[in-house]
Amino acid sequence: MKTLKYLSLSVIVFLLIASTWSCGEKQKHDSIPEVPVNLYLDINSTMYIELNTIGGWVYLTGGYKGILIYRISVDEFVAYDRACPYDPFDAASRIVMDPSGLTCSDSNCTSQFGILDGSVIKGPATIPLKRYNTYYDGNILSVSN
């Protein structure tokens, strides 16, 4: 019985220590603040002409630091908050499209992300871009969280 108690205590202590090891170097901030997003865009409007072609993109007001919308295919779009997940509270930090049109980055911390899924290509960021829900009915694109 005594051995079982010591074994249980040893396992608990080990798990507590291991959980601090697994954190490694943590992100400066683990999340981007939640801001209500509920946008409806008429893709046929001249205001969003860039979104009429695959690979087109626009910046919009909304979200925490703005929204980047990218057209993946005829009927699929992605929308990301422009706040860099590495340090969303840094005033100089903002996600921008790269000239290649395949990635976006934050010139302040130099993190780079894939445009199709928001995944980290190059750090120091370790978590992907904050993505908003999109729905396209053939005319209207809705973006929400």
Protein backbone atom coordinates (compact mmCIF):
# COMPACT_ATOMS: atom_id res chain seq x y z
CA MET A 1 0.00 0.00 0.00
CA LYS A 2 2.77 2.41 0.94
CA THR A 3 4.54 1.77 -2.35
CA LEU A 4 1.33 2.47 -4.27
CA LYS A 5 0.94 5.86 -2.52
CA TYR A 6 4.51 6.84 -3.35
CA LEU A 7 4.06 5.68 -6.93
CA SER A 8 0.85 7.72 -7.29
CA LEU A 9 2.51 10.79 -5.78
CA SER A 10 5.53 10.34 -8.07
CA VAL A 11 3.29 10.14 -11.15
CA ILE A 12 1.40 13.32 -10.15
CA VAL A 13 4.65 15.23 -9.53
CA PHE A 14 6.07 14.01 -12.83
CA LEU A 15 2.94 15.08 -14.74
CA LEU A 16 3.05 18.54 -13.17
CA ILE A 17 6.71 18.97 -14.10
CA ALA A 18 6.17 17.56 -17.61
CA SER A 19 3.31 19.96 -18.25
CA THR A 20 5.64 22.91 -17.66
CA TRP A 21 8.25 21.40 -19.98
CA SER A 22 5.78 20.93 -22.80
CA CYS A 23 4.98 24.65 -22.86
CA GLY A 24 8.46 25.47 -24.13
CA GLU A 25 8.71 29.11 -25.23
CA LYS A 26 5.14 30.33 -25.07
CA GLN A 27 3.48 32.75 -27.43
CA LYS A 28 3.50 36.30 -26.16
CA HIS A 29 -0.32 36.20 -26.31
CA ASP A 30 -2.37 33.07 -26.73
CA SER A 31 -5.40 34.62 -28.35
CA ILE A 32 -6.75 37.49 -30.37
CA PRO A 33 -9.63 39.31 -28.67
CA GLU A 34 -13.12 38.27 -29.75
CA VAL A 35 -14.87 41.02 -31.70
CA PRO A 36 -18.30 40.40 -33.28
CA VAL A 37 -18.06 39.96 -37.06
CA ASN A 38 -21.16 39.79 -39.25
CA LEU A 39 -20.47 41.06 -42.79
CA TYR A 40 -22.39 40.60 -46.03
CA LEU A 41 -20.59 41.41 -49.28
CA ASP A 42 -22.15 41.59 -52.73
CA ILE A 43 -19.27 40.08 -54.70
CA ASN A 44 -20.70 41.50 -57.95
CA SER A 45 -20.37 45.05 -56.61
CA THR A 46 -17.51 47.16 -57.95
CA MET A 47 -16.48 47.71 -54.30
CA TYR A 48 -15.20 44.11 -54.24
CA ILE A 49 -14.04 43.70 -57.83
CA GLU A 50 -10.77 42.15 -56.61
CA LEU A 51 -12.78 39.19 -55.28
CA ASN A 52 -14.24 38.42 -58.72
CA THR A 53 -11.18 36.34 -59.65
CA ILE A 54 -9.58 33.33 -57.98
CA GLY A 55 -6.57 34.57 -56.02
CA GLY A 56 -8.15 37.98 -55.49
CA TRP A 57 -8.11 39.54 -52.05
CA VAL A 58 -9.26 42.61 -50.13
CA TYR A 59 -8.77 44.22 -46.74
CA LEU A 60 -11.92 45.15 -44.84
CA THR A 61 -12.67 47.02 -41.67
CA GLY A 62 -13.87 44.72 -38.91
CA GLY A 63 -12.61 42.07 -36.56
CA TYR A 64 -9.90 43.07 -34.12
CA LYS A 65 -7.37 44.65 -36.55
CA GLY A 66 -9.20 44.36 -39.84
CA ILE A 67 -10.06 41.40 -42.04
CA LEU A 68 -8.24 39.89 -45.02
CA ILE A 69 -10.52 38.03 -47.45
CA TYR A 70 -9.03 35.77 -50.13
CA ARG A 71 -10.83 33.90 -52.91
CA ILE A 72 -9.59 30.30 -53.09
CA SER A 73 -11.88 28.98 -55.83
CA VAL A 74 -15.10 29.76 -57.70
CA ASP A 75 -17.18 29.17 -54.58
CA GLU A 76 -14.71 29.21 -51.67
CA PHE A 77 -13.29 32.12 -49.67
CA VAL A 78 -11.21 32.44 -46.51
CA ALA A 79 -11.27 35.35 -44.08
CA TYR A 80 -8.63 36.07 -41.44
CA ASP A 81 -8.21 38.70 -38.78
CA ARG A 82 -5.24 40.91 -39.63
CA ALA A 83 -3.91 40.70 -36.06
CA CYS A 84 -0.74 38.63 -35.89
CA PRO A 85 -1.20 35.79 -33.38
CA TYR A 86 2.37 36.29 -32.14
CA ASP A 87 1.60 39.67 -30.56
CA PRO A 88 -1.90 40.89 -31.40
CA PHE A 89 -1.62 43.81 -28.98
CA ASP A 90 1.39 45.41 -30.72
CA ALA A 91 0.06 48.52 -32.48
CA ALA A 92 2.57 48.16 -35.35
CA SER A 93 1.64 44.52 -35.99
CA ARG A 94 -0.75 43.84 -38.89
CA ILE A 95 -1.03 41.01 -41.42
CA VAL A 96 -0.52 42.00 -45.08
CA MET A 97 -0.60 40.02 -48.32
CA ASP A 98 2.80 39.20 -49.74
CA PRO A 99 3.59 40.07 -53.39
CA SER A 100 3.50 36.36 -54.29
CA GLY A 101 -0.22 36.19 -53.46
CA LEU A 102 0.40 32.81 -51.81
CA THR A 103 1.35 33.96 -48.34
CA CYS A 104 0.73 36.80 -45.94
CA SER A 105 2.98 38.12 -43.22
CA ASP A 106 3.54 40.55 -40.39
CA SER A 107 6.48 42.79 -41.25
CA ASN A 108 6.88 43.71 -37.59
CA CYS A 109 7.69 40.22 -36.22
CA THR A 110 8.39 38.67 -39.67
CA SER A 111 5.97 35.75 -39.14
CA GLN A 112 4.65 34.32 -42.41
CA PHE A 113 1.41 32.37 -42.99
CA GLY A 114 -0.11 30.29 -45.78
CA ILE A 115 -3.10 32.05 -47.34
CA LEU A 116 -5.14 28.89 -47.94
CA ASP A 117 -5.33 27.76 -44.31
CA GLY A 118 -3.60 30.46 -42.23
CA SER A 119 -0.94 28.02 -41.02
CA VAL A 120 2.46 29.24 -39.84
CA ILE A 121 5.17 29.00 -42.48
CA LYS A 122 7.81 30.98 -40.60
CA GLY A 123 7.83 32.17 -36.97
CA PRO A 124 8.19 33.46 -34.35
CA ALA A 125 4.40 32.86 -34.42
CA THR A 126 3.49 29.29 -33.50
CA ILE A 127 -0.28 29.40 -33.92
CA PRO A 128 -2.22 30.04 -37.15
CA LEU A 129 -4.11 33.16 -38.13
CA LYS A 130 -7.53 33.67 -36.60
CA ARG A 131 -10.04 32.52 -39.21
CA TYR A 132 -13.63 33.68 -39.59
CA ASN A 133 -16.48 31.63 -41.02
CA THR A 134 -17.40 32.30 -44.64
CA TYR A 135 -20.46 31.31 -46.66
CA TYR A 136 -20.97 32.13 -50.33
CA ASP A 137 -24.36 31.63 -52.02
CA GLY A 138 -23.16 32.61 -55.50
CA ASN A 139 -23.83 36.33 -55.01
CA ILE A 140 -23.42 37.29 -51.37
CA LEU A 141 -20.41 36.38 -49.24
CA SER A 142 -21.11 36.34 -45.52
CA VAL A 143 -18.28 36.54 -43.00
CA SER A 144 -18.97 35.86 -39.34
CA ASN A 145 -17.67 34.38 -36.12
